[in-house]
Amino acid sequence: MKRGNALVLLALGCLAGGTALAQKTSIQAIEEYRAMLQDGNPADLYEAKGEDLWKQKRGPKNASLQQCDLGKGPGVVKGAFVELPRYFPDTQKVQDLESRLLTCMQTLQGFNAAEIAKTGFGRGEKANVTALATWIAAESRGMKFNLPQNDVQEKDFYEIGKRLFFQRGGPHDFSCASCHGEDGKRIRLQDLPNLTVNPGDGVGFAAWPAYRVSNGQMWSMQHRLNDCYRQQRFPYPGFASDATIALGVYLGVNSKGSVSIAPAIKR
C-alpha cells in the first residue's frame, strides 16, 4: 500500500473513532443530566398531591378513594401499579390505572367519568387523575412488572395492542414500531428502546408516569400514548379508550420482570 493511501486510511479511522467517542460522550452526558435532575424530580410534588387526593373526601358523594380496588383489594395501593392494566370483574373490562381511577371517582365520589375523560390534559379533574396515578405508581417503585394474562379479555387486549403497535397509517405512514420496533434506533441523541421485546428496567413502559422537563408537565401513560399518536399524525385517541389500554397491555406484558422507576423524569 502506498504511503499516501495508508495515511488517508489512518486519518479516516481516527475520524470514525473520534465520532463514535463523541457520540458516546453525548449519550453519557444526557444520562448524567437525567441523574442530576432525578435528585430534584418535580414528580415528588405530584406524588404528595396524589396521596392527599386519595385520602380527601371529595365529589358529590363527599367520599375518599380509600375503598378503590385497583386489583389487589379495596384500598390496597402497593404493588397494584405493576399489575395494570388487568381485567376487573365489577366493570367486566380490562382497565389501566387511569381508567380504573375514573371508575372509582364515579362510583365512590360521584364524579362524571365521561366529562373528566373529555377534559384536556393538565386541567380540572384530569390533572387530579394524573396526580393520583403518579402517587400510586410511586408506591410500587422498585417492584417488577407482572401483568396478568389469565382472563380471555386480557389475552385479547394483548393481541389487539400488538396489532395497533404495528399498524401503519397517517400522512407519514408511521406506526409505533417505526420508532420502537427494533434495536439501535435514536432520535436527537435520544435512545429509542425496542418495545417489541422486554426493554429492561426503567425503560419505556416502566418509566411512566414521568415529569417532562421540556414542557414542565407531569405526563401519565395515557398522555404519553396520546403524544405518540400526535407525532404519527394520527387522530388523537380517546382518553382511557380500549385502544390505548390495549397498547398498555402489550407494552406492559412485554415489560414482565422489568423494575418500575416511575414516576421518572424525561427530557
Protein backbone atom coordinates (compact mmCIF):
# COMPACT_ATOMS: atom_id res chain seq x y z
CA MET A 1 0.00 0.00 0.00
CA LYS A 2 1.30 3.45 -0.88
CA ARG A 3 2.25 5.76 1.99
CA GLY A 4 -0.32 8.38 0.91
CA ASN A 5 -3.18 5.85 0.89
CA ALA A 6 -2.13 4.50 4.27
CA LEU A 7 -2.22 7.99 5.78
CA VAL A 8 -5.68 8.61 4.34
CA LEU A 9 -7.00 5.36 5.83
CA LEU A 10 -5.41 6.17 9.18
CA ALA A 11 -7.00 9.62 9.18
CA LEU A 12 -10.42 8.17 8.31
CA GLY A 13 -10.05 5.60 11.08
CA CYS A 14 -9.20 8.28 13.62
CA LEU A 15 -12.13 10.40 12.43
CA ALA A 16 -14.55 7.47 12.76
CA GLY A 17 -13.19 6.62 16.19
CA GLY A 18 -13.46 10.24 17.28
CA THR A 19 -17.05 10.45 16.06
CA ALA A 20 -18.00 7.29 17.94
CA LEU A 21 -16.30 8.61 21.07
CA ALA A 22 -18.09 11.96 20.78
CA GLN A 23 -21.41 10.18 20.29
CA LYS A 24 -20.83 8.00 23.33
CA THR A 25 -19.86 11.03 25.37
CA SER A 26 -23.05 12.86 24.34
CA ILE A 27 -25.21 9.92 25.40
CA GLN A 28 -23.36 9.66 28.69
CA ALA A 29 -23.82 13.38 29.27
CA ILE A 30 -27.57 13.04 28.81
CA GLU A 31 -27.68 10.17 31.30
CA GLU A 32 -25.68 12.22 33.81
CA TYR A 33 -28.06 15.14 33.26
CA ARG A 34 -31.04 12.89 33.98
CA ALA A 35 -29.37 11.51 37.09
CA MET A 36 -28.83 15.04 38.43
CA LEU A 37 -32.43 16.01 37.70
CA GLN A 38 -33.74 12.88 39.41
CA ASP A 39 -32.50 14.17 42.76
CA GLY A 40 -34.97 17.04 42.49
CA ASN A 41 -37.66 15.42 40.37
CA PRO A 42 -40.75 17.69 40.43
CA ALA A 43 -42.82 14.49 40.31
CA ASP A 44 -42.40 14.47 44.09
CA LEU A 45 -44.88 17.35 44.27
CA TYR A 46 -47.42 15.41 42.22
CA GLU A 47 -46.91 12.37 44.45
CA ALA A 48 -47.75 14.42 47.51
CA LYS A 49 -50.82 15.87 45.81
CA GLY A 50 -51.94 12.42 44.68
CA GLU A 51 -51.68 10.93 48.16
CA ASP A 52 -53.70 13.82 49.55
CA LEU A 53 -56.37 13.41 46.86
CA TRP A 54 -56.64 9.68 47.63
CA LYS A 55 -57.50 10.43 51.26
CA GLN A 56 -59.65 13.55 50.74
CA LYS A 57 -63.42 13.37 50.87
CA ARG A 58 -64.48 14.96 47.60
CA GLY A 59 -67.12 14.98 44.90
CA PRO A 60 -70.93 14.93 45.05
CA LYS A 61 -70.81 11.98 47.45
CA ASN A 62 -68.18 13.61 49.71
CA ALA A 63 -66.15 10.41 49.86
CA SER A 64 -62.49 9.45 49.62
CA LEU A 65 -60.90 6.91 47.27
CA GLN A 66 -59.61 4.74 50.09
CA GLN A 67 -62.02 1.94 49.16
CA CYS A 68 -60.99 1.97 45.50
CA ASP A 69 -59.99 -1.50 44.30
CA LEU A 70 -57.00 -1.29 41.97
CA GLY A 71 -56.81 -5.06 41.60
CA LYS A 72 -55.42 -6.14 44.96
CA GLY A 73 -58.44 -5.41 47.11
CA PRO A 74 -60.20 -2.24 48.33
CA GLY A 75 -57.68 0.39 49.42
CA VAL A 76 -54.57 -1.64 48.61
CA VAL A 77 -52.15 0.51 46.61
CA LYS A 78 -48.70 -1.00 46.99
CA GLY A 79 -47.96 -3.43 44.17
CA ALA A 80 -51.10 -2.57 42.19
CA PHE A 81 -49.38 -0.40 39.56
CA VAL A 82 -47.05 -3.14 38.29
CA GLU A 83 -50.03 -5.42 37.60
CA LEU A 84 -52.01 -2.94 35.48
CA PRO A 85 -53.75 -2.98 33.01
CA ARG A 86 -55.81 -6.01 34.08
CA TYR A 87 -59.36 -7.37 33.94
CA PHE A 88 -61.82 -6.17 36.62
CA PRO A 89 -64.93 -8.32 37.26
CA ASP A 90 -67.06 -5.41 38.51
CA THR A 91 -66.79 -3.48 35.24
CA GLN A 92 -66.20 -6.60 33.12
CA LYS A 93 -63.45 -4.65 31.37
CA VAL A 94 -59.69 -4.57 31.06
CA GLN A 95 -58.62 -1.29 32.65
CA ASP A 96 -55.37 0.58 33.12
CA LEU A 97 -54.61 2.75 36.13
CA GLU A 98 -56.25 5.89 34.81
CA SER A 99 -59.44 4.28 33.54
CA ARG A 100 -59.73 2.43 36.85
CA LEU A 101 -59.36 5.70 38.74
CA LEU A 102 -62.17 7.16 36.64
CA THR A 103 -64.38 4.22 37.66
CA CYS A 104 -63.61 4.76 41.34
CA MET A 105 -64.08 8.52 41.13
CA GLN A 106 -67.50 7.97 39.61
CA THR A 107 -68.76 5.12 41.78
CA LEU A 108 -67.26 6.23 45.10
CA GLN A 109 -67.20 10.01 44.79
CA GLY A 110 -69.93 10.74 42.26
CA PHE A 111 -67.82 12.46 39.61
CA ASN A 112 -68.80 12.16 35.94
CA ALA A 113 -66.12 9.93 34.38
CA ALA A 114 -67.15 10.77 30.81
CA GLU A 115 -66.79 14.50 31.46
CA ILE A 116 -63.36 14.04 33.03
CA ALA A 117 -62.24 11.96 30.03
CA LYS A 118 -63.23 14.78 27.68
CA THR A 119 -61.27 17.40 29.64
CA GLY A 120 -57.88 18.49 28.29
CA PHE A 121 -54.68 17.10 29.81
CA GLY A 122 -53.49 19.06 32.82
CA ARG A 123 -56.89 20.59 33.50
CA GLY A 124 -59.55 20.11 36.16
CA GLU A 125 -60.15 16.62 37.47
CA LYS A 126 -57.99 15.10 34.72
CA ALA A 127 -55.00 16.84 36.33
CA ASN A 128 -56.05 15.20 39.59
CA VAL A 129 -56.15 11.80 37.86
CA THR A 130 -52.53 12.34 36.78
CA ALA A 131 -51.51 13.27 40.32
CA LEU A 132 -53.26 10.18 41.71
CA ALA A 133 -51.58 7.99 39.10
CA THR A 134 -48.20 9.49 40.00
CA TRP A 135 -48.58 8.66 43.69
CA ILE A 136 -49.94 5.17 43.03
CA ALA A 137 -47.04 4.45 40.66
CA ALA A 138 -44.56 5.68 43.26
CA GLU A 139 -45.96 3.20 45.78
CA SER A 140 -44.73 0.37 43.53
CA ARG A 141 -41.36 1.90 42.64
CA GLY A 142 -38.67 -0.78 42.56
CA MET A 143 -41.16 -3.61 42.01
CA LYS A 144 -41.18 -5.79 38.91
CA PHE A 145 -43.92 -5.70 36.31
CA ASN A 146 -46.08 -8.79 36.23
CA LEU A 147 -49.28 -8.12 34.29
CA PRO A 148 -51.81 -10.96 34.48
CA GLN A 149 -52.72 -12.82 31.30
CA ASN A 150 -55.26 -15.23 32.76
CA ASP A 151 -58.58 -13.81 31.57
CA VAL A 152 -59.56 -14.18 27.92
CA GLN A 153 -60.04 -10.40 27.65
CA GLU A 154 -56.51 -9.78 28.92
CA LYS A 155 -55.16 -12.08 26.22
CA ASP A 156 -57.35 -10.46 23.57
CA PHE A 157 -56.19 -6.98 24.60
CA TYR A 158 -52.57 -8.09 24.26
CA GLU A 159 -53.16 -9.21 20.68
CA ILE A 160 -55.14 -6.06 19.85
CA GLY A 161 -52.38 -3.92 21.36
CA LYS A 162 -49.80 -5.75 19.28
CA ARG A 163 -51.74 -5.07 16.08
CA LEU A 164 -52.13 -1.40 16.99
CA PHE A 165 -48.41 -1.15 17.74
CA PHE A 166 -47.56 -2.27 14.20
CA GLN A 167 -50.47 -0.52 12.45
CA ARG A 168 -49.15 1.98 9.90
CA GLY A 169 -51.10 5.00 8.75
CA GLY A 170 -51.33 8.76 8.62
CA PRO A 171 -49.59 11.09 6.14
CA HIS A 172 -46.15 9.69 7.05
CA ASP A 173 -47.19 6.02 7.09
CA PHE A 174 -45.86 5.67 10.64
CA SER A 175 -46.58 3.17 13.38
CA CYS A 176 -45.40 2.80 16.98
CA ALA A 177 -42.95 0.24 15.61
CA SER A 178 -41.41 2.84 13.29
CA CYS A 179 -39.55 4.22 16.32
CA HIS A 180 -39.75 1.35 18.81
CA GLY A 181 -39.72 -1.80 16.70
CA GLU A 182 -36.01 -2.65 16.55
CA ASP A 183 -32.73 -2.21 18.41
CA GLY A 184 -30.27 0.63 17.94
CA LYS A 185 -32.57 3.48 16.94
CA ARG A 186 -32.03 7.04 18.16
CA ILE A 187 -33.53 10.47 17.60
CA ARG A 188 -31.86 13.74 18.68
CA LEU A 189 -29.33 11.82 20.82
CA GLN A 190 -32.27 10.02 22.44
CA ASP A 191 -32.09 6.23 22.52
CA LEU A 192 -35.35 4.63 21.39
CA PRO A 193 -36.00 1.36 23.23
CA ASN A 194 -37.22 -1.67 21.33
CA LEU A 195 -40.65 -2.22 22.90
CA THR A 196 -41.50 -5.40 20.99
CA VAL A 197 -39.32 -7.31 23.47
CA ASN A 198 -38.52 -6.79 27.15
CA PRO A 199 -36.80 -3.38 27.10
CA GLY A 200 -35.27 -3.74 30.57
CA ASP A 201 -35.53 -1.93 33.88
CA GLY A 202 -36.85 1.60 33.89
CA VAL A 203 -37.17 1.92 30.12
CA GLY A 204 -40.32 2.58 28.12
CA PHE A 205 -43.44 1.38 29.92
CA ALA A 206 -41.55 1.04 33.23
CA ALA A 207 -40.83 4.79 33.42
CA TRP A 208 -44.28 6.37 33.14
CA PRO A 209 -45.84 8.48 34.67
CA ALA A 210 -42.90 10.86 34.19
CA TYR A 211 -42.14 14.55 34.53
CA ARG A 212 -41.32 16.15 31.15
CA VAL A 213 -38.58 18.76 31.60
CA SER A 214 -39.09 20.10 28.08
CA ASN A 215 -42.59 21.39 28.84
CA GLY A 216 -42.73 21.38 32.62
CA GLN A 217 -45.61 18.91 32.80
CA MET A 218 -46.36 15.62 34.50
CA TRP A 219 -47.34 13.04 31.90
CA SER A 220 -49.25 9.86 32.56
CA MET A 221 -49.08 6.83 30.26
CA GLN A 222 -52.34 7.91 28.62
CA HIS A 223 -50.80 11.31 27.87
CA ARG A 224 -47.65 9.67 26.50
CA LEU A 225 -49.61 7.42 24.15
CA ASN A 226 -51.69 10.38 23.02
CA ASP A 227 -48.50 12.23 22.08
CA CYS A 228 -47.21 9.19 20.19
CA TYR A 229 -50.30 9.34 18.01
CA ARG A 230 -49.79 13.09 17.56
CA GLN A 231 -46.24 12.51 16.30
CA GLN A 232 -47.54 9.91 13.87
CA ARG A 233 -50.12 12.49 12.68
CA PHE A 234 -52.92 10.13 13.68
CA PRO A 235 -56.20 11.43 15.15
CA TYR A 236 -55.96 11.65 18.94
CA PRO A 237 -57.30 8.54 20.67
CA GLY A 238 -59.99 8.90 23.31
CA PHE A 239 -58.71 9.17 26.88
CA ALA A 240 -58.74 5.73 28.53
CA SER A 241 -60.06 4.20 25.31
CA ASP A 242 -59.85 0.47 24.63
CA ALA A 243 -57.15 1.21 22.03
CA THR A 244 -54.80 2.94 24.47
CA ILE A 245 -55.48 0.35 27.17
CA ALA A 246 -54.71 -2.45 24.70
CA LEU A 247 -51.40 -0.78 23.86
CA GLY A 248 -50.72 -0.60 27.58
CA VAL A 249 -51.36 -4.32 27.93
CA TYR A 250 -49.00 -5.10 25.05
CA LEU A 251 -46.22 -2.89 26.41
CA GLY A 252 -46.77 -3.99 29.99
CA VAL A 253 -46.72 -7.71 29.27
CA ASN A 254 -43.56 -7.22 27.20
CA SER A 255 -42.02 -5.49 30.24
CA LYS A 256 -42.55 -8.52 32.51
CA GLY A 257 -39.80 -8.64 35.14
CA SER A 258 -38.61 -5.08 34.49
CA VAL A 259 -38.26 -2.87 37.54
CA SER A 260 -40.51 0.19 37.68
CA ILE A 261 -38.78 3.53 38.23
CA ALA A 262 -41.99 5.54 37.85
CA PRO A 263 -42.51 8.36 38.35
CA ALA A 264 -39.40 9.10 36.31
CA ILE A 265 -38.05 12.25 34.70
CA LYS A 266 -37.76 12.70 30.95
CA ARG A 267 -36.38 15.36 28.60
